[in-house]
Amino acid sequence: MAKRDRLSDPAITEALVGLDGWSREGDSITRAFEFRDFSEAFGFLARAALLQERADHHANVESVYNRVRLMLTTHDAGGVTAMDIALARAIDALLR
């Protein structure tokens, strides 16, 4: 399976087991983050943006003061792909 092929529902469910805080919402996976303040949230977004640019795969982002919500989907595949799972893992690694 190519990394841009849409994953099956069971494959997404299995992948989410290893992704703390991520959940499925329709054709995407999402996670909400809360930081101490705006600067910490913005720093996280900047680091996440660099990961996304390197992967040539970009999240939908909502950000309000110290809260960030990321939504990952592969639009041309119409849903969640291995690229989304890999990017979620990479984003999680920023917090370790």
PDB file of N, CA and C in Angstrom:
ATOM      1  N   MET A   1       0.842  -1.178   0.000  1.00  0.00           N
ATOM      2  CA  MET A   1       0.000   0.000   0.000  1.00  0.00           C
ATOM      3  C   MET A   1       0.891   1.247   0.000  1.00  0.00           C
ATOM      4  N   ALA A   2       0.587   2.182  -0.866  1.00  0.00           N
ATOM      5  CA  ALA A   2       1.335   3.439  -0.934  1.00  0.00           C
ATOM      6  C   ALA A   2       0.953   4.335   0.236  1.00  0.00           C
ATOM      7  N   LYS A   3       1.867   5.232   0.628  1.00  0.00           N
ATOM      8  CA  LYS A   3       1.594   6.056   1.794  1.00  0.00           C
ATOM      9  C   LYS A   3       0.446   7.041   1.592  1.00  0.00           C
ATOM     10  N   ARG A   4       0.031   7.278   0.351  1.00  0.00           N
ATOM     11  CA  ARG A   4      -1.114   8.166   0.084  1.00  0.00           C
ATOM     12  C   ARG A   4      -2.409   7.391  -0.171  1.00  0.00           C
ATOM     13  N   ASP A   5      -2.399   6.072   0.032  1.00  0.00           N
ATOM     14  CA  ASP A   5      -3.627   5.285  -0.091  1.00  0.00           C
ATOM     15  C   ASP A   5      -4.433   5.405   1.193  1.00  0.00           C
ATOM     16  N   ARG A   6      -5.720   5.577   1.037  1.00  0.00           N
ATOM     17  CA  ARG A   6      -6.612   5.701   2.199  1.00  0.00           C
ATOM     18  C   ARG A   6      -6.577   4.420   3.021  1.00  0.00           C
ATOM     19  N   LEU A   7      -6.453   4.568   4.340  1.00  0.00           N
ATOM     20  CA  LEU A   7      -6.435   3.417   5.239  1.00  0.00           C
ATOM     21  C   LEU A   7      -7.852   2.925   5.502  1.00  0.00           C
ATOM     22  N   SER A   8      -7.969   1.638   5.766  1.00  0.00           N
ATOM     23  CA  SER A   8      -9.258   1.063   6.126  1.00  0.00           C
ATOM     24  C   SER A   8      -9.637   1.508   7.541  1.00  0.00           C
ATOM     25  N   ASP A   9     -10.899   1.403   7.869  1.00  0.00           N
ATOM     26  CA  ASP A   9     -11.344   1.750   9.222  1.00  0.00           C
ATOM     27  C   ASP A   9     -10.604   0.948  10.291  1.00  0.00           C
ATOM     28  N   PRO A  10     -10.460  -0.382  10.133  1.00  0.00           N
ATOM     29  CA  PRO A  10      -9.713  -1.135  11.145  1.00  0.00           C
ATOM     30  C   PRO A  10      -8.242  -0.694  11.266  1.00  0.00           C
ATOM     31  N   ALA A  11      -7.627  -0.335  10.153  1.00  0.00           N
ATOM     32  CA  ALA A  11      -6.233   0.114  10.186  1.00  0.00           C
ATOM     33  C   ALA A  11      -6.106   1.441  10.930  1.00  0.00           C
ATOM     34  N   ILE A  12      -7.064   2.332  10.741  1.00  0.00           N
ATOM     35  CA  ILE A  12      -7.047   3.614  11.455  1.00  0.00           C
ATOM     36  C   ILE A  12      -7.240   3.374  12.949  1.00  0.00           C
ATOM     37  N   THR A  13      -8.198   2.535  13.296  1.00  0.00           N
ATOM     38  CA  THR A  13      -8.453   2.216  14.699  1.00  0.00           C
ATOM     39  C   THR A  13      -7.212   1.635  15.351  1.00  0.00           C
ATOM     40  N   GLU A  14      -6.534   0.737  14.661  1.00  0.00           N
ATOM     41  CA  GLU A  14      -5.310   0.118  15.187  1.00  0.00           C
ATOM     42  C   GLU A  14      -4.207   1.157  15.365  1.00  0.00           C
ATOM     43  N   ALA A  15      -4.043   2.043  14.397  1.00  0.00           N
ATOM     44  CA  ALA A  15      -3.004   3.071  14.478  1.00  0.00           C
ATOM     45  C   ALA A  15      -3.265   4.034  15.635  1.00  0.00           C
ATOM     46  N   LEU A  16      -4.523   4.345  15.895  1.00  0.00           N
ATOM     47  CA  LEU A  16      -4.862   5.278  16.964  1.00  0.00           C
ATOM     48  C   LEU A  16      -4.542   4.730  18.347  1.00  0.00           C
ATOM     49  N   VAL A  17      -4.473   3.415  18.475  1.00  0.00           N
ATOM     50  CA  VAL A  17      -4.120   2.807  19.764  1.00  0.00           C
ATOM     51  C   VAL A  17      -2.748   3.303  20.220  1.00  0.00           C
ATOM     52  N   GLY A  18      -1.836   3.492  19.297  1.00  0.00           N
ATOM     53  CA  GLY A  18      -0.491   3.939  19.631  1.00  0.00           C
ATOM     54  C   GLY A  18      -0.309   5.449  19.593  1.00  0.00           C
ATOM     55  N   LEU A  19      -1.385   6.202  19.400  1.00  0.00           N
ATOM     56  CA  LEU A  19      -1.297   7.660  19.314  1.00  0.00           C
ATOM     57  C   LEU A  19      -2.108   8.275  20.448  1.00  0.00           C
ATOM     58  N   ASP A  20      -1.437   8.610  21.519  1.00  0.00           N
ATOM     59  CA  ASP A  20      -2.100   9.154  22.699  1.00  0.00           C
ATOM     60  C   ASP A  20      -2.736  10.507  22.403  1.00  0.00           C
ATOM     61  N   GLY A  21      -4.019  10.624  22.697  1.00  0.00           N
ATOM     62  CA  GLY A  21      -4.708  11.891  22.542  1.00  0.00           C
ATOM     63  C   GLY A  21      -5.323  12.128  21.182  1.00  0.00           C
ATOM     64  N   TRP A  22      -4.986  11.317  20.202  1.00  0.00           N
ATOM     65  CA  TRP A  22      -5.550  11.462  18.859  1.00  0.00           C
ATOM     66  C   TRP A  22      -6.848  10.670  18.775  1.00  0.00           C
ATOM     67  N   SER A  23      -7.796  11.211  18.032  1.00  0.00           N
ATOM     68  CA  SER A  23      -9.052  10.498  17.819  1.00  0.00           C
ATOM     69  C   SER A  23      -9.505  10.714  16.384  1.00  0.00           C
ATOM     70  N   ARG A  24     -10.433   9.898  15.992  1.00  0.00           N
ATOM     71  CA  ARG A  24     -10.953   9.997  14.632  1.00  0.00           C
ATOM     72  C   ARG A  24     -12.178  10.892  14.632  1.00  0.00           C
ATOM     73  N   GLU A  25     -12.214  11.771  13.660  1.00  0.00           N
ATOM     74  CA  GLU A  25     -13.381  12.610  13.420  1.00  0.00           C
ATOM     75  C   GLU A  25     -13.643  12.595  11.925  1.00  0.00           C
ATOM     76  N   GLY A  26     -14.599  11.790  11.519  1.00  0.00           N
ATOM     77  CA  GLY A  26     -14.915  11.689  10.096  1.00  0.00           C
ATOM     78  C   GLY A  26     -13.743  11.168   9.301  1.00  0.00           C
ATOM     79  N   ASP A  27     -13.306  11.941   8.326  1.00  0.00           N
ATOM     80  CA  ASP A  27     -12.204  11.538   7.449  1.00  0.00           C
ATOM     81  C   ASP A  27     -10.859  12.099   7.897  1.00  0.00           C
ATOM     82  N   SER A  28     -10.745  12.401   9.199  1.00  0.00           N
ATOM     83  CA  SER A  28      -9.474  12.917   9.704  1.00  0.00           C
ATOM     84  C   SER A  28      -9.195  12.354  11.092  1.00  0.00           C
ATOM     85  N   ILE A  29      -7.953  12.561  11.534  1.00  0.00           N
ATOM     86  CA  ILE A  29      -7.606  12.295  12.926  1.00  0.00           C
ATOM     87  C   ILE A  29      -7.263  13.648  13.542  1.00  0.00           C
ATOM     88  N   THR A  30      -7.621  13.812  14.806  1.00  0.00           N
ATOM     89  CA  THR A  30      -7.449  15.108  15.449  1.00  0.00           C
ATOM     90  C   THR A  30      -6.846  14.959  16.838  1.00  0.00           C
ATOM     91  N   ARG A  31      -6.213  16.034  17.272  1.00  0.00           N
ATOM     92  CA  ARG A  31      -5.726  16.093  18.643  1.00  0.00           C
ATOM     93  C   ARG A  31      -5.728  17.540  19.091  1.00  0.00           C
ATOM     94  N   ALA A  32      -6.147  17.752  20.330  1.00  0.00           N
ATOM     95  CA  ALA A  32      -6.109  19.078  20.946  1.00  0.00           C
ATOM     96  C   ALA A  32      -4.936  19.131  21.918  1.00  0.00           C
ATOM     97  N   PHE A  33      -4.262  20.257  21.944  1.00  0.00           N
ATOM     98  CA  PHE A  33      -3.118  20.488  22.816  1.00  0.00           C
ATOM     99  C   PHE A  33      -3.398  21.746  23.627  1.00  0.00           C
ATOM    100  N   GLU A  34      -2.927  21.758  24.863  1.00  0.00           N
ATOM    101  CA  GLU A  34      -3.023  22.965  25.680  1.00  0.00           C
ATOM    102  C   GLU A  34      -1.655  23.249  26.284  1.00  0.00           C
ATOM    103  N   PHE A  35      -1.241  24.506  26.174  1.00  0.00           N
ATOM    104  CA  PHE A  35       0.074  24.923  26.639  1.00  0.00           C
ATOM    105  C   PHE A  35      -0.069  25.969  27.733  1.00  0.00           C
ATOM    106  N   ARG A  36       1.047  26.318  28.371  1.00  0.00           N
ATOM    107  CA  ARG A  36       1.004  27.298  29.474  1.00  0.00           C
ATOM    108  C   ARG A  36       0.540  28.667  29.011  1.00  0.00           C
ATOM    109  N   ASP A  37       0.971  29.056  27.799  1.00  0.00           N
ATOM    110  CA  ASP A  37       0.640  30.398  27.324  1.00  0.00           C
ATOM    111  C   ASP A  37       0.754  30.441  25.801  1.00  0.00           C
ATOM    112  N   PHE A  38       0.507  31.619  25.258  1.00  0.00           N
ATOM    113  CA  PHE A  38       0.534  31.814  23.817  1.00  0.00           C
ATOM    114  C   PHE A  38       1.911  31.506  23.229  1.00  0.00           C
ATOM    115  N   SER A  39       2.966  31.946  23.884  1.00  0.00           N
ATOM    116  CA  SER A  39       4.323  31.741  23.357  1.00  0.00           C
ATOM    117  C   SER A  39       4.658  30.258  23.227  1.00  0.00           C
ATOM    118  N   GLU A  40       4.285  29.483  24.229  1.00  0.00           N
ATOM    119  CA  GLU A  40       4.555  28.048  24.170  1.00  0.00           C
ATOM    120  C   GLU A  40       3.736  27.390  23.053  1.00  0.00           C
ATOM    121  N   ALA A  41       2.489  27.793  22.900  1.00  0.00           N
ATOM    122  CA  ALA A  41       1.648  27.249  21.826  1.00  0.00           C
ATOM    123  C   ALA A  41       2.217  27.621  20.462  1.00  0.00           C
ATOM    124  N   PHE A  42       2.641  28.875  20.321  1.00  0.00           N
ATOM    125  CA  PHE A  42       3.175  29.340  19.047  1.00  0.00           C
ATOM    126  C   PHE A  42       4.490  28.630  18.712  1.00  0.00           C
ATOM    127  N   GLY A  43       5.323  28.411  19.715  1.00  0.00           N
ATOM    128  CA  GLY A  43       6.573  27.677  19.494  1.00  0.00           C
ATOM    129  C   GLY A  43       6.302  26.259  19.015  1.00  0.00           C
ATOM    130  N   PHE A  44       5.319  25.596  19.634  1.00  0.00           N
ATOM    131  CA  PHE A  44       4.930  24.261  19.199  1.00  0.00           C
ATOM    132  C   PHE A  44       4.454  24.292  17.750  1.00  0.00           C
ATOM    133  N   LEU A  45       3.609  25.268  17.415  1.00  0.00           N
ATOM    134  CA  LEU A  45       3.113  25.372  16.039  1.00  0.00           C
ATOM    135  C   LEU A  45       4.247  25.580  15.040  1.00  0.00           C
ATOM    136  N   ALA A  46       5.234  26.367  15.411  1.00  0.00           N
ATOM    137  CA  ALA A  46       6.378  26.601  14.515  1.00  0.00           C
ATOM    138  C   ALA A  46       7.166  25.308  14.287  1.00  0.00           C
ATOM    139  N   ARG A  47       7.410  24.559  15.361  1.00  0.00           N
ATOM    140  CA  ARG A  47       8.135  23.290  15.217  1.00  0.00           C
ATOM    141  C   ARG A  47       7.313  22.286  14.401  1.00  0.00           C
ATOM    142  N   ALA A  48       6.007  22.247  14.649  1.00  0.00           N
ATOM    143  CA  ALA A  48       5.127  21.344  13.894  1.00  0.00           C
ATOM    144  C   ALA A  48       5.089  21.745  12.421  1.00  0.00           C
ATOM    145  N   ALA A  49       5.121  23.043  12.154  1.00  0.00           N
ATOM    146  CA  ALA A  49       5.108  23.517  10.767  1.00  0.00           C
ATOM    147  C   ALA A  49       6.346  23.043  10.006  1.00  0.00           C
ATOM    148  N   LEU A  50       7.496  23.039  10.669  1.00  0.00           N
ATOM    149  CA  LEU A  50       8.717  22.561  10.013  1.00  0.00           C
ATOM    150  C   LEU A  50       8.608  21.075   9.667  1.00  0.00           C
ATOM    151  N   LEU A  51       8.040  20.288  10.565  1.00  0.00           N
ATOM    152  CA  LEU A  51       7.819  18.857  10.278  1.00  0.00           C
ATOM    153  C   LEU A  51       6.892  18.684   9.077  1.00  0.00           C
ATOM    154  N   GLN A  52       5.832  19.470   9.063  1.00  0.00           N
ATOM    155  CA  GLN A  52       4.858  19.361   7.981  1.00  0.00           C
ATOM    156  C   GLN A  52       5.471  19.748   6.637  1.00  0.00           C
ATOM    157  N   GLU A  53       6.273  20.770   6.661  1.00  0.00           N
ATOM    158  CA  GLU A  53       6.908  21.215   5.409  1.00  0.00           C
ATOM    159  C   GLU A  53       7.866  20.151   4.877  1.00  0.00           C
ATOM    160  N   ARG A  54       8.655  19.560   5.788  1.00  0.00           N
ATOM    161  CA  ARG A  54       9.578  18.492   5.361  1.00  0.00           C
ATOM    162  C   ARG A  54       8.820  17.297   4.794  1.00  0.00           C
ATOM    163  N   ALA A  55       7.665  16.998   5.371  1.00  0.00           N
ATOM    164  CA  ALA A  55       6.863  15.855   4.924  1.00  0.00           C
ATOM    165  C   ALA A  55       6.024  16.205   3.692  1.00  0.00           C
ATOM    166  N   ASP A  56       5.968  17.481   3.335  1.00  0.00           N
ATOM    167  CA  ASP A  56       5.091  17.967   2.271  1.00  0.00           C
ATOM    168  C   ASP A  56       3.661  17.495   2.520  1.00  0.00           C
ATOM    169  N   HIS A  57       3.247  17.631   3.770  1.00  0.00           N
ATOM    170  CA  HIS A  57       1.915  17.195   4.206  1.00  0.00           C
ATOM    171  C   HIS A  57       1.509  18.116   5.348  1.00  0.00           C
ATOM    172  N   HIS A  58       0.395  18.798   5.194  1.00  0.00           N
ATOM    173  CA  HIS A  58       0.063  19.887   6.105  1.00  0.00           C
ATOM    174  C   HIS A  58      -1.270  19.665   6.807  1.00  0.00           C
ATOM    175  N   ALA A  59      -1.280  19.959   8.092  1.00  0.00           N
ATOM    176  CA  ALA A  59      -2.471  19.806   8.927  1.00  0.00           C
ATOM    177  C   ALA A  59      -3.391  21.009   8.773  1.00  0.00           C
ATOM    178  N   ASN A  60      -4.653  20.785   9.064  1.00  0.00           N
ATOM    179  CA  ASN A  60      -5.572  21.891   9.306  1.00  0.00           C
ATOM    180  C   ASN A  60      -5.359  22.271  10.764  1.00  0.00           C
ATOM    181  N   VAL A  61      -5.271  23.574  11.036  1.00  0.00           N
ATOM    182  CA  VAL A  61      -4.886  24.049  12.360  1.00  0.00           C
ATOM    183  C   VAL A  61      -5.909  25.049  12.892  1.00  0.00           C
ATOM    184  N   GLU A  62      -6.249  24.874  14.167  1.00  0.00           N
ATOM    185  CA  GLU A  62      -7.007  25.886  14.903  1.00  0.00           C
ATOM    186  C   GLU A  62      -6.152  26.270  16.100  1.00  0.00           C
ATOM    187  N   SER A  63      -6.006  27.573  16.328  1.00  0.00           N
ATOM    188  CA  SER A  63      -5.188  28.030  17.441  1.00  0.00           C
ATOM    189  C   SER A  63      -5.850  29.231  18.098  1.00  0.00           C
ATOM    190  N   VAL A  64      -6.050  29.133  19.414  1.00  0.00           N
ATOM    191  CA  VAL A  64      -6.591  30.238  20.198  1.00  0.00           C
ATOM    192  C   VAL A  64      -5.777  30.324  21.483  1.00  0.00           C
ATOM    193  N   TYR A  65      -5.026  31.402  21.606  1.00  0.00           N
ATOM    194  CA  TYR A  65      -4.161  31.693  22.735  1.00  0.00           C
ATOM    195  C   TYR A  65      -3.263  30.506  23.085  1.00  0.00           C
ATOM    196  N   ASN A  66      -3.603  29.697  24.086  1.00  0.00           N
ATOM    197  CA  ASN A  66      -2.725  28.591  24.501  1.00  0.00           C
ATOM    198  C   ASN A  66      -3.248  27.225  24.052  1.00  0.00           C
ATOM    199  N   ARG A  67      -4.277  27.221  23.211  1.00  0.00           N
ATOM    200  CA  ARG A  67      -4.860  25.959  22.740  1.00  0.00           C
ATOM    201  C   ARG A  67      -4.641  25.803  21.241  1.00  0.00           C
ATOM    202  N   VAL A  68      -4.271  24.580  20.866  1.00  0.00           N
ATOM    203  CA  VAL A  68      -4.029  24.249  19.464  1.00  0.00           C
ATOM    204  C   VAL A  68      -4.784  22.966  19.163  1.00  0.00           C
ATOM    205  N   ARG A  69      -5.431  22.925  18.022  1.00  0.00           N
ATOM    206  CA  ARG A  69      -6.096  21.698  17.560  1.00  0.00           C
ATOM    207  C   ARG A  69      -5.604  21.414  16.156  1.00  0.00           C
ATOM    208  N   LEU A  70      -5.093  20.200  15.956  1.00  0.00           N
ATOM    209  CA  LEU A  70      -4.610  19.770  14.650  1.00  0.00           C
ATOM    210  C   LEU A  70      -5.537  18.714  14.087  1.00  0.00           C
ATOM    211  N   MET A  71      -5.823  18.821  12.804  1.00  0.00           N
ATOM    212  CA  MET A  71      -6.645  17.849  12.097  1.00  0.00           C
ATOM    213  C   MET A  71      -5.854  17.361  10.896  1.00  0.00           C
ATOM    214  N   LEU A  72      -5.630  16.059  10.836  1.00  0.00           N
ATOM    215  CA  LEU A  72      -4.837  15.474   9.753  1.00  0.00           C
ATOM    216  C   LEU A  72      -5.721  14.623   8.851  1.00  0.00           C
ATOM    217  N   THR A  73      -5.621  14.870   7.575  1.00  0.00           N
ATOM    218  CA  THR A  73      -6.280  14.073   6.559  1.00  0.00           C
ATOM    219  C   THR A  73      -5.510  14.254   5.260  1.00  0.00           C
ATOM    220  N   THR A  74      -5.633  13.300   4.375  1.00  0.00           N
ATOM    221  CA  THR A  74      -5.000  13.422   3.064  1.00  0.00           C
ATOM    222  C   THR A  74      -6.119  13.705   2.070  1.00  0.00           C
ATOM    223  N   HIS A  75      -6.242  14.964   1.690  1.00  0.00           N
ATOM    224  CA  HIS A  75      -7.382  15.400   0.889  1.00  0.00           C
ATOM    225  C   HIS A  75      -7.505  14.649  -0.429  1.00  0.00           C
ATOM    226  N   ASP A  76      -6.381  14.438  -1.123  1.00  0.00           N
ATOM    227  CA  ASP A  76      -6.479  13.765  -2.419  1.00  0.00           C
ATOM    228  C   ASP A  76      -6.830  12.283  -2.298  1.00  0.00           C
ATOM    229  N   ALA A  77      -6.698  11.704  -1.106  1.00  0.00           N
ATOM    230  CA  ALA A  77      -7.095  10.311  -0.879  1.00  0.00           C
ATOM    231  C   ALA A  77      -8.500  10.239  -0.273  1.00  0.00           C
ATOM    232  N   GLY A  78      -9.016  11.369   0.169  1.00  0.00           N
ATOM    233  CA  GLY A  78     -10.351  11.393   0.747  1.00  0.00           C
ATOM    234  C   GLY A  78     -10.433  10.826   2.152  1.00  0.00           C
ATOM    235  N   GLY A  79      -9.318  10.852   2.880  1.00  0.00           N
ATOM    236  CA  GLY A  79      -9.349  10.329   4.242  1.00  0.00           C
ATOM    237  C   GLY A  79      -7.959  10.164   4.828  1.00  0.00           C
ATOM    238  N   VAL A  80      -7.888   9.348   5.853  1.00  0.00           N
ATOM    239  CA  VAL A  80      -6.647   9.139   6.601  1.00  0.00           C
ATOM    240  C   VAL A  80      -5.746   8.152   5.866  1.00  0.00           C
ATOM    241  N   THR A  81      -4.479   8.521   5.759  1.00  0.00           N
ATOM    242  CA  THR A  81      -3.476   7.665   5.118  1.00  0.00           C
ATOM    243  C   THR A  81      -2.305   7.445   6.070  1.00  0.00           C
ATOM    244  N   ALA A  82      -1.368   6.643   5.638  1.00  0.00           N
ATOM    245  CA  ALA A  82      -0.151   6.410   6.419  1.00  0.00           C
ATOM    246  C   ALA A  82       0.615   7.710   6.643  1.00  0.00           C
ATOM    247  N   MET A  83       0.490   8.661   5.728  1.00  0.00           N
ATOM    248  CA  MET A  83       1.159   9.959   5.898  1.00  0.00           C
ATOM    249  C   MET A  83       0.617  10.686   7.125  1.00  0.00           C
ATOM    250  N   ASP A  84      -0.687  10.591   7.351  1.00  0.00           N
ATOM    251  CA  ASP A  84      -1.284  11.248   8.514  1.00  0.00           C
ATOM    252  C   ASP A  84      -0.810  10.606   9.809  1.00  0.00           C
ATOM    253  N   ILE A  85      -0.750   9.285   9.818  1.00  0.00           N
ATOM    254  CA  ILE A  85      -0.296   8.564  11.009  1.00  0.00           C
ATOM    255  C   ILE A  85       1.162   8.911  11.303  1.00  0.00           C
ATOM    256  N   ALA A  86       1.998   8.924  10.282  1.00  0.00           N
ATOM    257  CA  ALA A  86       3.416   9.250  10.464  1.00  0.00           C
ATOM    258  C   ALA A  86       3.585  10.684  10.966  1.00  0.00           C
ATOM    259  N   LEU A  87       2.803  11.611  10.427  1.00  0.00           N
ATOM    260  CA  LEU A  87       2.914  13.002  10.863  1.00  0.00           C
ATOM    261  C   LEU A  87       2.427  13.152  12.300  1.00  0.00           C
ATOM    262  N   ALA A  88       1.364  12.454  12.675  1.00  0.00           N
ATOM    263  CA  ALA A  88       0.890  12.494  14.070  1.00  0.00           C
ATOM    264  C   ALA A  88       1.980  12.004  15.013  1.00  0.00           C
ATOM    265  N   ARG A  89       2.651  10.930  14.656  1.00  0.00           N
ATOM    266  CA  ARG A  89       3.739  10.404  15.497  1.00  0.00           C
ATOM    267  C   ARG A  89       4.876  11.420  15.616  1.00  0.00           C
ATOM    268  N   ALA A  90       5.231  12.039  14.504  1.00  0.00           N
ATOM    269  CA  ALA A  90       6.309  13.023  14.515  1.00  0.00           C
ATOM    270  C   ALA A  90       5.937  14.241  15.371  1.00  0.00           C
ATOM    271  N   ILE A  91       4.694  14.684  15.271  1.00  0.00           N
ATOM    272  CA  ILE A  91       4.230  15.810  16.081  1.00  0.00           C
ATOM    273  C   ILE A  91       4.257  15.434  17.563  1.00  0.00           C
ATOM    274  N   ASP A  92       3.808  14.235  17.883  1.00  0.00           N
ATOM    275  CA  ASP A  92       3.852  13.783  19.281  1.00  0.00           C
ATOM    276  C   ASP A  92       5.277  13.772  19.821  1.00  0.00           C
ATOM    277  N   ALA A  93       6.225  13.419  18.974  1.00  0.00           N
ATOM    278  CA  ALA A  93       7.631  13.356  19.403  1.00  0.00           C
ATOM    279  C   ALA A  93       8.155  14.747  19.803  1.00  0.00           C
ATOM    280  N   LEU A  94       7.547  15.807  19.280  1.00  0.00           N
ATOM    281  CA  LEU A  94       7.957  17.157  19.667  1.00  0.00           C
ATOM    282  C   LEU A  94       7.709  17.425  21.156  1.00  0.00           C
ATOM    283  N   LEU A  95       6.769  16.700  21.733  1.00  0.00           N
ATOM    284  CA  LEU A  95       6.376  16.932  23.120  1.00  0.00           C
ATOM    285  C   LEU A  95       7.164  16.106  24.109  1.00  0.00           C
ATOM    286  N   ARG A  96       8.017  15.242  23.630  1.00  0.00           N
ATOM    287  CA  ARG A  96       8.796  14.386  24.537  1.00  0.00           C
ATOM    288  C   ARG A  96      10.078  15.053  24.946  1.00  0.00           C
TER     289      ARG A  96
END
